[in-house]
Amino acid sequence: MRPLVGPSVLTIANGATASSAILVDTAYAVTLYAPAALTGTLTVQARPSSSIGSGAWRNHQSGGSDITIAQGKSCTIFPVPVGELRVLSSLA
């Protein structure tokens, strides 16, 4: 059984588009929430467990489409087949 992990915060620095990363390689499920004050749309990006801390980020997909999160919405990724996640904003 995978351990329960408390909340983590993905932060996008002022003027940037990419957030910090969170390690999810031992997570069973991850829910991401977009703030109500968000401008633009967030695209979920991932890196495999074999590339934690380095390597290229790829847009994470479900059913052949990029996973995006709009203002005030959330999405759950289950199961979690990746090592790290971050979000990329459509606006800086």
C-alpha atoms as a PDB file:
ATOM      1  CA  MET A   1       0.000   0.000   0.000  1.00  0.00           C
ATOM      2  CA  ARG A   2       1.309   3.437  -0.924  1.00  0.00           C
ATOM      3  CA  PRO A   3       1.699   6.000   1.875  1.00  0.00           C
ATOM      4  CA  LEU A   4      -0.672   8.922   2.254  1.00  0.00           C
ATOM      5  CA  VAL A   5       0.972  12.242   1.486  1.00  0.00           C
ATOM      6  CA  GLY A   6      -0.333  15.595   2.611  1.00  0.00           C
ATOM      7  CA  PRO A   7      -0.936  18.628   0.448  1.00  0.00           C
ATOM      8  CA  SER A   8       1.831  20.039  -1.706  1.00  0.00           C
ATOM      9  CA  VAL A   9       1.772  23.432  -3.382  1.00  0.00           C
ATOM     10  CA  LEU A  10       2.727  24.077  -6.977  1.00  0.00           C
ATOM     11  CA  THR A  11       3.911  27.684  -7.222  1.00  0.00           C
ATOM     12  CA  ILE A  12       4.337  29.739 -10.385  1.00  0.00           C
ATOM     13  CA  ALA A  13       6.723  32.647  -9.850  1.00  0.00           C
ATOM     14  CA  ASN A  14       5.638  36.123 -10.902  1.00  0.00           C
ATOM     15  CA  GLY A  15       6.251  36.551 -14.644  1.00  0.00           C
ATOM     16  CA  ALA A  16       6.871  32.816 -15.193  1.00  0.00           C
ATOM     17  CA  THR A  17       4.675  30.150 -16.787  1.00  0.00           C
ATOM     18  CA  ALA A  18       6.043  26.904 -15.303  1.00  0.00           C
ATOM     19  CA  SER A  19       5.379  25.910 -11.686  1.00  0.00           C
ATOM     20  CA  SER A  20       7.611  24.205  -9.199  1.00  0.00           C
ATOM     21  CA  ALA A  21       7.524  20.391  -9.361  1.00  0.00           C
ATOM     22  CA  ILE A  22       6.054  17.868  -6.955  1.00  0.00           C
ATOM     23  CA  LEU A  23       7.331  14.333  -6.514  1.00  0.00           C
ATOM     24  CA  VAL A  24       4.481  11.862  -7.064  1.00  0.00           C
ATOM     25  CA  ASP A  25       6.275   8.594  -7.824  1.00  0.00           C
ATOM     26  CA  THR A  26       4.803   6.903  -4.731  1.00  0.00           C
ATOM     27  CA  ALA A  27       1.352   8.514  -4.958  1.00  0.00           C
ATOM     28  CA  TYR A  28      -1.741   6.457  -5.678  1.00  0.00           C
ATOM     29  CA  ALA A  29      -3.811   9.444  -6.823  1.00  0.00           C
ATOM     30  CA  VAL A  30      -3.212  13.188  -7.161  1.00  0.00           C
ATOM     31  CA  THR A  31      -5.806  15.956  -7.236  1.00  0.00           C
ATOM     32  CA  LEU A  32      -4.778  19.348  -8.572  1.00  0.00           C
ATOM     33  CA  TYR A  33      -6.818  22.484  -7.822  1.00  0.00           C
ATOM     34  CA  ALA A  34      -6.630  25.721  -9.824  1.00  0.00           C
ATOM     35  CA  PRO A  35      -7.283  28.900  -7.834  1.00  0.00           C
ATOM     36  CA  ALA A  36     -10.375  30.983  -8.559  1.00  0.00           C
ATOM     37  CA  ALA A  37      -8.101  33.961  -9.292  1.00  0.00           C
ATOM     38  CA  LEU A  38      -6.256  32.083 -12.056  1.00  0.00           C
ATOM     39  CA  THR A  39      -5.941  33.848 -15.383  1.00  0.00           C
ATOM     40  CA  GLY A  40      -5.438  31.543 -18.327  1.00  0.00           C
ATOM     41  CA  THR A  41      -5.443  27.750 -18.253  1.00  0.00           C
ATOM     42  CA  LEU A  42      -3.078  25.261 -16.611  1.00  0.00           C
ATOM     43  CA  THR A  43      -1.659  22.319 -18.551  1.00  0.00           C
ATOM     44  CA  VAL A  44      -0.445  19.373 -16.465  1.00  0.00           C
ATOM     45  CA  GLN A  45       3.091  18.265 -17.329  1.00  0.00           C
ATOM     46  CA  ALA A  46       4.934  15.132 -16.215  1.00  0.00           C
ATOM     47  CA  ARG A  47       8.334  13.457 -16.125  1.00  0.00           C
ATOM     48  CA  PRO A  48       8.854   9.711 -15.677  1.00  0.00           C
ATOM     49  CA  SER A  49      10.305   8.229 -12.495  1.00  0.00           C
ATOM     50  CA  SER A  50      13.529   7.482 -14.389  1.00  0.00           C
ATOM     51  CA  SER A  51      14.017  11.236 -15.044  1.00  0.00           C
ATOM     52  CA  ILE A  52      13.205  12.755 -11.633  1.00  0.00           C
ATOM     53  CA  GLY A  53      15.039  16.063 -11.260  1.00  0.00           C
ATOM     54  CA  SER A  54      16.182  16.181 -14.867  1.00  0.00           C
ATOM     55  CA  GLY A  55      14.958  15.483 -18.352  1.00  0.00           C
ATOM     56  CA  ALA A  56      12.258  16.966 -20.520  1.00  0.00           C
ATOM     57  CA  TRP A  57       8.749  17.756 -19.317  1.00  0.00           C
ATOM     58  CA  ARG A  58       5.884  16.413 -21.434  1.00  0.00           C
ATOM     59  CA  ASN A  59       2.237  17.418 -21.467  1.00  0.00           C
ATOM     60  CA  HIS A  60       0.360  14.718 -19.555  1.00  0.00           C
ATOM     61  CA  GLN A  61      -2.561  13.236 -21.460  1.00  0.00           C
ATOM     62  CA  SER A  62      -5.716  11.299 -20.750  1.00  0.00           C
ATOM     63  CA  GLY A  63      -7.653   9.698 -23.579  1.00  0.00           C
ATOM     64  CA  GLY A  64      -5.299  11.250 -26.140  1.00  0.00           C
ATOM     65  CA  SER A  65      -5.855  14.861 -24.988  1.00  0.00           C
ATOM     66  CA  ASP A  66      -3.694  17.135 -22.847  1.00  0.00           C
ATOM     67  CA  ILE A  67      -4.963  17.480 -19.268  1.00  0.00           C
ATOM     68  CA  THR A  68      -5.847  21.119 -18.603  1.00  0.00           C
ATOM     69  CA  ILE A  69      -7.364  22.827 -15.575  1.00  0.00           C
ATOM     70  CA  ALA A  70      -9.455  25.991 -15.843  1.00  0.00           C
ATOM     71  CA  GLN A  71      -9.961  28.732 -13.253  1.00  0.00           C
ATOM     72  CA  GLY A  72     -11.557  27.395 -10.060  1.00  0.00           C
ATOM     73  CA  LYS A  73     -11.579  23.777 -11.282  1.00  0.00           C
ATOM     74  CA  SER A  74      -9.731  20.608 -10.279  1.00  0.00           C
ATOM     75  CA  CYS A  75      -8.658  17.320 -11.804  1.00  0.00           C
ATOM     76  CA  THR A  76      -7.661  13.958 -10.354  1.00  0.00           C
ATOM     77  CA  ILE A  77      -4.973  11.746 -11.844  1.00  0.00           C
ATOM     78  CA  PHE A  78      -5.511   8.112 -10.923  1.00  0.00           C
ATOM     79  CA  PRO A  79      -3.455   5.993 -10.994  1.00  0.00           C
ATOM     80  CA  VAL A  80      -0.285   8.098 -11.087  1.00  0.00           C
ATOM     81  CA  PRO A  81       2.040   6.606 -13.723  1.00  0.00           C
ATOM     82  CA  VAL A  82       4.744   9.318 -13.503  1.00  0.00           C
ATOM     83  CA  GLY A  83       7.533  10.513 -11.218  1.00  0.00           C
ATOM     84  CA  GLU A  84       6.958  14.272 -11.077  1.00  0.00           C
ATOM     85  CA  LEU A  85       4.205  16.720 -11.980  1.00  0.00           C
ATOM     86  CA  ARG A  86       4.084  20.448 -12.589  1.00  0.00           C
ATOM     87  CA  VAL A  87       1.658  22.826 -14.272  1.00  0.00           C
ATOM     88  CA  LEU A  88       2.280  25.215 -17.124  1.00  0.00           C
ATOM     89  CA  SER A  89       0.182  28.372 -17.356  1.00  0.00           C
ATOM     90  CA  SER A  90      -1.028  29.685 -20.696  1.00  0.00           C
ATOM     91  CA  LEU A  91      -0.303  33.220 -19.405  1.00  0.00           C
ATOM     92  CA  ALA A  92       2.668  34.659 -17.515  1.00  0.00           C
END
